[in-house]
Amino acid sequence: AGRVAAATTEAAYTQARGAVVAFLDELDARLAD
């Protein structure tokens, strides 16, 4: 959250938050079974 909030450009922000959401999706899939 701190890294996403600290992004100073739209590109950096999009990349940072995309990495977090991808990790949450990965964890969600991991916990399916």
PDB file of all heavy atoms in Angstrom:
ATOM      1  N   ALA A   1       0.827  -1.205   0.000  1.00  0.00           N
ATOM      2  CA  ALA A   1       0.000   0.000   0.000  1.00  0.00           C
ATOM      3  C   ALA A   1       0.860   1.253   0.000  1.00  0.00           C
ATOM      4  O   ALA A   1       0.578   2.217  -0.720  1.00  0.00           O
ATOM      5  CB  ALA A   1      -0.940  -0.010   1.206  1.00  0.00           C
ATOM      6  N   GLY A   2       1.921   1.235   0.796  1.00  0.00           N
ATOM      7  CA  GLY A   2       2.815   2.386   0.819  1.00  0.00           C
ATOM      8  C   GLY A   2       3.483   2.630  -0.513  1.00  0.00           C
ATOM      9  O   GLY A   2       3.648   3.780  -0.941  1.00  0.00           O
ATOM     10  N   ARG A   3       3.852   1.546  -1.192  1.00  0.00           N
ATOM     11  CA  ARG A   3       4.522   1.693  -2.484  1.00  0.00           C
ATOM     12  C   ARG A   3       3.544   2.209  -3.552  1.00  0.00           C
ATOM     13  O   ARG A   3       3.902   3.058  -4.367  1.00  0.00           O
ATOM     14  CB  ARG A   3       5.132   0.358  -2.900  1.00  0.00           C
ATOM     15  CG  ARG A   3       6.061   0.440  -4.097  1.00  0.00           C
ATOM     16  CD  ARG A   3       7.009  -0.736  -4.180  1.00  0.00           C
ATOM     17  NE  ARG A   3       6.359  -2.005  -3.964  1.00  0.00           N
ATOM     18  CZ  ARG A   3       6.461  -2.732  -2.845  1.00  0.00           C
ATOM     19  NH1 ARG A   3       7.185  -2.285  -1.839  1.00  0.00           N
ATOM     20  NH2 ARG A   3       5.847  -3.894  -2.724  1.00  0.00           N
ATOM     21  N   VAL A   4       2.312   1.706  -3.541  1.00  0.00           N
ATOM     22  CA  VAL A   4       1.311   2.186  -4.499  1.00  0.00           C
ATOM     23  C   VAL A   4       1.006   3.656  -4.228  1.00  0.00           C
ATOM     24  O   VAL A   4       0.943   4.481  -5.153  1.00  0.00           O
ATOM     25  CB  VAL A   4       0.030   1.335  -4.416  1.00  0.00           C
ATOM     26  CG1 VAL A   4      -1.059   1.929  -5.307  1.00  0.00           C
ATOM     27  CG2 VAL A   4       0.311  -0.108  -4.830  1.00  0.00           C
ATOM     28  N   ALA A   5       0.825   4.003  -2.962  1.00  0.00           N
ATOM     29  CA  ALA A   5       0.509   5.385  -2.610  1.00  0.00           C
ATOM     30  C   ALA A   5       1.635   6.343  -2.967  1.00  0.00           C
ATOM     31  O   ALA A   5       1.392   7.515  -3.262  1.00  0.00           O
ATOM     32  CB  ALA A   5       0.192   5.479  -1.122  1.00  0.00           C
ATOM     33  N   ALA A   6       2.877   5.845  -2.941  1.00  0.00           N
ATOM     34  CA  ALA A   6       4.036   6.706  -3.196  1.00  0.00           C
ATOM     35  C   ALA A   6       4.315   6.918  -4.681  1.00  0.00           C
ATOM     36  O   ALA A   6       5.177   7.726  -5.039  1.00  0.00           O
ATOM     37  CB  ALA A   6       5.281   6.118  -2.525  1.00  0.00           C
ATOM     38  N   ALA A   7       3.611   6.198  -5.549  1.00  0.00           N
ATOM     39  CA  ALA A   7       3.844   6.351  -6.988  1.00  0.00           C
ATOM     40  C   ALA A   7       3.546   7.787  -7.421  1.00  0.00           C
ATOM     41  O   ALA A   7       2.518   8.353  -7.057  1.00  0.00           O
ATOM     42  CB  ALA A   7       2.962   5.377  -7.767  1.00  0.00           C
ATOM     43  N   THR A   8       4.438   8.355  -8.195  1.00  0.00           N
ATOM     44  CA  THR A   8       4.302   9.766  -8.591  1.00  0.00           C
ATOM     45  C   THR A   8       3.856   9.950 -10.040  1.00  0.00           C
ATOM     46  O   THR A   8       3.620  11.080 -10.473  1.00  0.00           O
ATOM     47  CB  THR A   8       5.632  10.509  -8.385  1.00  0.00           C
ATOM     48  OG1 THR A   8       6.659   9.847  -9.127  1.00  0.00           O
ATOM     49  CG2 THR A   8       6.005  10.535  -6.910  1.00  0.00           C
ATOM     50  N   THR A   9       3.768   8.854 -10.796  1.00  0.00           N
ATOM     51  CA  THR A   9       3.272   8.942 -12.167  1.00  0.00           C
ATOM     52  C   THR A   9       2.190   7.889 -12.369  1.00  0.00           C
ATOM     53  O   THR A   9       2.133   6.880 -11.644  1.00  0.00           O
ATOM     54  CB  THR A   9       4.390   8.687 -13.197  1.00  0.00           C
ATOM     55  OG1 THR A   9       4.828   7.323 -13.095  1.00  0.00           O
ATOM     56  CG2 THR A   9       5.565   9.630 -12.957  1.00  0.00           C
ATOM     57  N   GLU A  10       1.347   8.115 -13.350  1.00  0.00           N
ATOM     58  CA  GLU A  10       0.274   7.158 -13.622  1.00  0.00           C
ATOM     59  C   GLU A  10       0.843   5.806 -14.016  1.00  0.00           C
ATOM     60  O   GLU A  10       0.316   4.761 -13.611  1.00  0.00           O
ATOM     61  CB  GLU A  10      -0.637   7.695 -14.723  1.00  0.00           C
ATOM     62  CG  GLU A  10      -1.824   6.790 -15.001  1.00  0.00           C
ATOM     63  CD  GLU A  10      -2.798   7.384 -15.995  1.00  0.00           C
ATOM     64  OE1 GLU A  10      -2.527   8.488 -16.522  1.00  0.00           O
ATOM     65  OE2 GLU A  10      -3.846   6.754 -16.240  1.00  0.00           O
ATOM     66  N   ALA A  11       1.930   5.788 -14.775  1.00  0.00           N
ATOM     67  CA  ALA A  11       2.528   4.517 -15.205  1.00  0.00           C
ATOM     68  C   ALA A  11       3.051   3.732 -14.011  1.00  0.00           C
ATOM     69  O   ALA A  11       2.834   2.515 -13.898  1.00  0.00           O
ATOM     70  CB  ALA A  11       3.651   4.780 -16.207  1.00  0.00           C
ATOM     71  N   ALA A  12       3.759   4.416 -13.101  1.00  0.00           N
ATOM     72  CA  ALA A  12       4.300   3.737 -11.921  1.00  0.00           C
ATOM     73  C   ALA A  12       3.173   3.248 -11.021  1.00  0.00           C
ATOM     74  O   ALA A  12       3.237   2.145 -10.460  1.00  0.00           O
ATOM     75  CB  ALA A  12       5.219   4.678 -11.150  1.00  0.00           C
ATOM     76  N   TYR A  13       2.135   4.045 -10.896  1.00  0.00           N
ATOM     77  CA  TYR A  13       0.978   3.673 -10.078  1.00  0.00           C
ATOM     78  C   TYR A  13       0.278   2.444 -10.659  1.00  0.00           C
ATOM     79  O   TYR A  13      -0.047   1.489  -9.938  1.00  0.00           O
ATOM     80  CB  TYR A  13       0.035   4.864 -10.008  1.00  0.00           C
ATOM     81  CG  TYR A  13      -1.357   4.565  -9.516  1.00  0.00           C
ATOM     82  CD1 TYR A  13      -1.604   4.266  -8.171  1.00  0.00           C
ATOM     83  CD2 TYR A  13      -2.448   4.606 -10.393  1.00  0.00           C
ATOM     84  CE1 TYR A  13      -2.884   4.006  -7.719  1.00  0.00           C
ATOM     85  CE2 TYR A  13      -3.734   4.357  -9.949  1.00  0.00           C
ATOM     86  CZ  TYR A  13      -3.956   4.056  -8.617  1.00  0.00           C
ATOM     87  OH  TYR A  13      -5.229   3.800  -8.166  1.00  0.00           O
ATOM     88  N   THR A  14       0.055   2.443 -11.963  1.00  0.00           N
ATOM     89  CA  THR A  14      -0.623   1.324 -12.613  1.00  0.00           C
ATOM     90  C   THR A  14       0.169   0.041 -12.466  1.00  0.00           C
ATOM     91  O   THR A  14      -0.387  -1.036 -12.182  1.00  0.00           O
ATOM     92  CB  THR A  14      -0.848   1.639 -14.103  1.00  0.00           C
ATOM     93  OG1 THR A  14      -1.650   2.807 -14.218  1.00  0.00           O
ATOM     94  CG2 THR A  14      -1.526   0.480 -14.812  1.00  0.00           C
ATOM     95  N   GLN A  15       1.486   0.142 -12.623  1.00  0.00           N
ATOM     96  CA  GLN A  15       2.328  -1.043 -12.483  1.00  0.00           C
ATOM     97  C   GLN A  15       2.318  -1.552 -11.044  1.00  0.00           C
ATOM     98  O   GLN A  15       2.208  -2.769 -10.801  1.00  0.00           O
ATOM     99  CB  GLN A  15       3.764  -0.716 -12.901  1.00  0.00           C
ATOM    100  CG  GLN A  15       4.709  -1.902 -12.801  1.00  0.00           C
ATOM    101  CD  GLN A  15       6.119  -1.551 -13.273  1.00  0.00           C
ATOM    102  OE1 GLN A  15       6.465  -0.390 -13.425  1.00  0.00           O
ATOM    103  NE2 GLN A  15       6.927  -2.568 -13.505  1.00  0.00           N
ATOM    104  N   ALA A  16       2.428  -0.655 -10.079  1.00  0.00           N
ATOM    105  CA  ALA A  16       2.504  -1.053  -8.678  1.00  0.00           C
ATOM    106  C   ALA A  16       1.205  -1.703  -8.219  1.00  0.00           C
ATOM    107  O   ALA A  16       1.214  -2.756  -7.578  1.00  0.00           O
ATOM    108  CB  ALA A  16       2.836   0.154  -7.804  1.00  0.00           C
ATOM    109  N   ARG A  17       0.091  -1.090  -8.550  1.00  0.00           N
ATOM    110  CA  ARG A  17      -1.167  -1.666  -8.075  1.00  0.00           C
ATOM    111  C   ARG A  17      -1.512  -2.957  -8.839  1.00  0.00           C
ATOM    112  O   ARG A  17      -2.095  -3.885  -8.265  1.00  0.00           O
ATOM    113  CB  ARG A  17      -2.299  -0.647  -8.153  1.00  0.00           C
ATOM    114  CG  ARG A  17      -2.942  -0.400  -9.487  1.00  0.00           C
ATOM    115  CD  ARG A  17      -4.035   0.669  -9.361  1.00  0.00           C
ATOM    116  NE  ARG A  17      -4.864   0.789 -10.554  1.00  0.00           N
ATOM    117  CZ  ARG A  17      -5.990   0.108 -10.748  1.00  0.00           C
ATOM    118  NH1 ARG A  17      -6.406  -0.736  -9.836  1.00  0.00           N
ATOM    119  NH2 ARG A  17      -6.694   0.287 -11.847  1.00  0.00           N
ATOM    120  N   GLY A  18      -1.088  -3.037 -10.093  1.00  0.00           N
ATOM    121  CA  GLY A  18      -1.309  -4.257 -10.854  1.00  0.00           C
ATOM    122  C   GLY A  18      -0.582  -5.445 -10.260  1.00  0.00           C
ATOM    123  O   GLY A  18      -1.107  -6.570 -10.225  1.00  0.00           O
ATOM    124  N   ALA A  19       0.642  -5.209  -9.747  1.00  0.00           N
ATOM    125  CA  ALA A  19       1.412  -6.280  -9.122  1.00  0.00           C
ATOM    126  C   ALA A  19       0.731  -6.778  -7.848  1.00  0.00           C
ATOM    127  O   ALA A  19       0.732  -7.984  -7.555  1.00  0.00           O
ATOM    128  CB  ALA A  19       2.823  -5.786  -8.811  1.00  0.00           C
ATOM    129  N   VAL A  20       0.141  -5.871  -7.092  1.00  0.00           N
ATOM    130  CA  VAL A  20      -0.548  -6.260  -5.860  1.00  0.00           C
ATOM    131  C   VAL A  20      -1.798  -7.079  -6.182  1.00  0.00           C
ATOM    132  O   VAL A  20      -2.039  -8.133  -5.584  1.00  0.00           O
ATOM    133  CB  VAL A  20      -0.924  -5.021  -5.024  1.00  0.00           C
ATOM    134  CG1 VAL A  20      -1.691  -5.440  -3.770  1.00  0.00           C
ATOM    135  CG2 VAL A  20       0.309  -4.232  -4.648  1.00  0.00           C
ATOM    136  N   VAL A  21      -2.598  -6.615  -7.112  1.00  0.00           N
ATOM    137  CA  VAL A  21      -3.818  -7.328  -7.473  1.00  0.00           C
ATOM    138  C   VAL A  21      -3.482  -8.713  -8.035  1.00  0.00           C
ATOM    139  O   VAL A  21      -4.166  -9.702  -7.729  1.00  0.00           O
ATOM    140  CB  VAL A  21      -4.650  -6.515  -8.480  1.00  0.00           C
ATOM    141  CG1 VAL A  21      -5.846  -7.330  -8.983  1.00  0.00           C
ATOM    142  CG2 VAL A  21      -5.133  -5.213  -7.843  1.00  0.00           C
ATOM    143  N   ALA A  22      -2.427  -8.797  -8.836  1.00  0.00           N
ATOM    144  CA  ALA A  22      -2.015 -10.102  -9.371  1.00  0.00           C
ATOM    145  C   ALA A  22      -1.635 -11.051  -8.245  1.00  0.00           C
ATOM    146  O   ALA A  22      -1.940 -12.256  -8.300  1.00  0.00           O
ATOM    147  CB  ALA A  22      -0.845  -9.918 -10.338  1.00  0.00           C
ATOM    148  N   PHE A  23      -0.974 -10.531  -7.215  1.00  0.00           N
ATOM    149  CA  PHE A  23      -0.582 -11.372  -6.079  1.00  0.00           C
ATOM    150  C   PHE A  23      -1.813 -11.822  -5.298  1.00  0.00           C
ATOM    151  O   PHE A  23      -1.903 -12.980  -4.877  1.00  0.00           O
ATOM    152  CB  PHE A  23       0.382 -10.610  -5.177  1.00  0.00           C
ATOM    153  CG  PHE A  23       0.965 -11.436  -4.065  1.00  0.00           C
ATOM    154  CD1 PHE A  23       1.692 -12.582  -4.332  1.00  0.00           C
ATOM    155  CD2 PHE A  23       0.786 -11.064  -2.735  1.00  0.00           C
ATOM    156  CE1 PHE A  23       2.237 -13.349  -3.309  1.00  0.00           C
ATOM    157  CE2 PHE A  23       1.336 -11.814  -1.704  1.00  0.00           C
ATOM    158  CZ  PHE A  23       2.057 -12.957  -1.994  1.00  0.00           C
ATOM    159  N   LEU A  24      -2.778 -10.940  -5.119  1.00  0.00           N
ATOM    160  CA  LEU A  24      -4.013 -11.327  -4.433  1.00  0.00           C
ATOM    161  C   LEU A  24      -4.744 -12.409  -5.222  1.00  0.00           C
ATOM    162  O   LEU A  24      -5.286 -13.363  -4.644  1.00  0.00           O
ATOM    163  CB  LEU A  24      -4.910 -10.109  -4.240  1.00  0.00           C
ATOM    164  CG  LEU A  24      -4.389  -9.021  -3.299  1.00  0.00           C
ATOM    165  CD1 LEU A  24      -5.361  -7.846  -3.259  1.00  0.00           C
ATOM    166  CD2 LEU A  24      -4.148  -9.567  -1.893  1.00  0.00           C
ATOM    167  N   ASP A  25      -4.779 -12.272  -6.552  1.00  0.00           N
ATOM    168  CA  ASP A  25      -5.394 -13.314  -7.384  1.00  0.00           C
ATOM    169  C   ASP A  25      -4.647 -14.644  -7.238  1.00  0.00           C
ATOM    170  O   ASP A  25      -5.260 -15.715  -7.176  1.00  0.00           O
ATOM    171  CB  ASP A  25      -5.392 -12.890  -8.855  1.00  0.00           C
ATOM    172  CG  ASP A  25      -6.549 -11.976  -9.209  1.00  0.00           C
ATOM    173  OD1 ASP A  25      -7.629 -12.127  -8.609  1.00  0.00           O
ATOM    174  OD2 ASP A  25      -6.377 -11.107 -10.085  1.00  0.00           O
ATOM    175  N   GLU A  26      -3.315 -14.566  -7.174  1.00  0.00           N
ATOM    176  CA  GLU A  26      -2.511 -15.777  -7.002  1.00  0.00           C
ATOM    177  C   GLU A  26      -2.815 -16.451  -5.666  1.00  0.00           C
ATOM    178  O   GLU A  26      -2.982 -17.682  -5.595  1.00  0.00           O
ATOM    179  CB  GLU A  26      -1.028 -15.407  -7.077  1.00  0.00           C
ATOM    180  CG  GLU A  26      -0.084 -16.575  -6.831  1.00  0.00           C
ATOM    181  CD  GLU A  26       1.368 -16.127  -6.707  1.00  0.00           C
ATOM    182  OE1 GLU A  26       1.746 -15.143  -7.372  1.00  0.00           O
ATOM    183  OE2 GLU A  26       2.121 -16.761  -5.938  1.00  0.00           O
ATOM    184  N   LEU A  27      -2.915 -15.670  -4.621  1.00  0.00           N
ATOM    185  CA  LEU A  27      -3.230 -16.232  -3.306  1.00  0.00           C
ATOM    186  C   LEU A  27      -4.639 -16.815  -3.286  1.00  0.00           C
ATOM    187  O   LEU A  27      -4.881 -17.873  -2.682  1.00  0.00           O
ATOM    188  CB  LEU A  27      -3.094 -15.160  -2.225  1.00  0.00           C
ATOM    189  CG  LEU A  27      -1.686 -14.638  -1.958  1.00  0.00           C
ATOM    190  CD1 LEU A  27      -1.738 -13.494  -0.958  1.00  0.00           C
ATOM    191  CD2 LEU A  27      -0.772 -15.746  -1.437  1.00  0.00           C
ATOM    192  N   ASP A  28      -5.563 -16.130  -3.934  1.00  0.00           N
ATOM    193  CA  ASP A  28      -6.935 -16.625  -3.992  1.00  0.00           C
ATOM    194  C   ASP A  28      -6.985 -17.997  -4.663  1.00  0.00           C
ATOM    195  O   ASP A  28      -7.660 -18.918  -4.179  1.00  0.00           O
ATOM    196  CB  ASP A  28      -7.798 -15.623  -4.754  1.00  0.00           C
ATOM    197  CG  ASP A  28      -9.272 -15.909  -4.624  1.00  0.00           C
ATOM    198  OD1 ASP A  28      -9.798 -15.826  -3.495  1.00  0.00           O
ATOM    199  OD2 ASP A  28      -9.913 -16.232  -5.651  1.00  0.00           O
ATOM    200  N   ALA A  29      -6.256 -18.148  -5.761  1.00  0.00           N
ATOM    201  CA  ALA A  29      -6.209 -19.439  -6.452  1.00  0.00           C
ATOM    202  C   ALA A  29      -5.512 -20.493  -5.595  1.00  0.00           C
ATOM    203  O   ALA A  29      -5.935 -21.659  -5.558  1.00  0.00           O
ATOM    204  CB  ALA A  29      -5.489 -19.286  -7.783  1.00  0.00           C
ATOM    205  N   ARG A  30      -4.459 -20.114  -4.896  1.00  0.00           N
ATOM    206  CA  ARG A  30      -3.717 -21.046  -4.040  1.00  0.00           C
ATOM    207  C   ARG A  30      -4.623 -21.623  -2.950  1.00  0.00           C
ATOM    208  O   ARG A  30      -4.505 -22.795  -2.572  1.00  0.00           O
ATOM    209  CB  ARG A  30      -2.530 -20.319  -3.424  1.00  0.00           C
ATOM    210  CG  ARG A  30      -1.642 -21.168  -2.524  1.00  0.00           C
ATOM    211  CD  ARG A  30      -0.586 -20.318  -1.835  1.00  0.00           C
ATOM    212  NE  ARG A  30       0.338 -21.108  -1.030  1.00  0.00           N
ATOM    213  CZ  ARG A  30       1.611 -21.350  -1.326  1.00  0.00           C
ATOM    214  NH1 ARG A  30       2.134 -20.838  -2.433  1.00  0.00           N
ATOM    215  NH2 ARG A  30       2.369 -22.092  -0.533  1.00  0.00           N
ATOM    216  N   LEU A  31      -5.531 -20.779  -2.442  1.00  0.00           N
ATOM    217  CA  LEU A  31      -6.377 -21.192  -1.324  1.00  0.00           C
ATOM    218  C   LEU A  31      -7.637 -21.921  -1.763  1.00  0.00           C
ATOM    219  O   LEU A  31      -8.462 -22.292  -0.926  1.00  0.00           O
ATOM    220  CB  LEU A  31      -6.743 -19.953  -0.499  1.00  0.00           C
ATOM    221  CG  LEU A  31      -5.574 -19.355   0.287  1.00  0.00           C
ATOM    222  CD1 LEU A  31      -5.893 -17.933   0.716  1.00  0.00           C
ATOM    223  CD2 LEU A  31      -5.228 -20.222   1.488  1.00  0.00           C
ATOM    224  N   ALA A  32      -7.786 -22.160  -3.056  1.00  0.00           N
ATOM    225  CA  ALA A  32      -8.968 -22.864  -3.543  1.00  0.00           C
ATOM    226  C   ALA A  32      -9.004 -24.309  -3.073  1.00  0.00           C
ATOM    227  O   ALA A  32     -10.087 -24.873  -2.865  1.00  0.00           O
ATOM    228  CB  ALA A  32      -9.023 -22.813  -5.071  1.00  0.00           C
ATOM    229  N   ASP A  33      -7.833 -24.929  -2.894  1.00  0.00           N
ATOM    230  CA  ASP A  33      -7.810 -26.349  -2.529  1.00  0.00           C
ATOM    231  C   ASP A  33      -7.019 -26.630  -1.258  1.00  0.00           C
ATOM    232  O   ASP A  33      -6.600 -27.753  -1.017  1.00  0.00           O
ATOM    233  CB  ASP A  33      -7.237 -27.178  -3.682  1.00  0.00           C
ATOM    234  CG  ASP A  33      -5.794 -26.810  -4.014  1.00  0.00           C
ATOM    235  OD1 ASP A  33      -5.262 -25.855  -3.403  1.00  0.00           O
ATOM    236  OD2 ASP A  33      -5.199 -27.483  -4.877  1.00  0.00           O
TER     237      ASP A  33
END
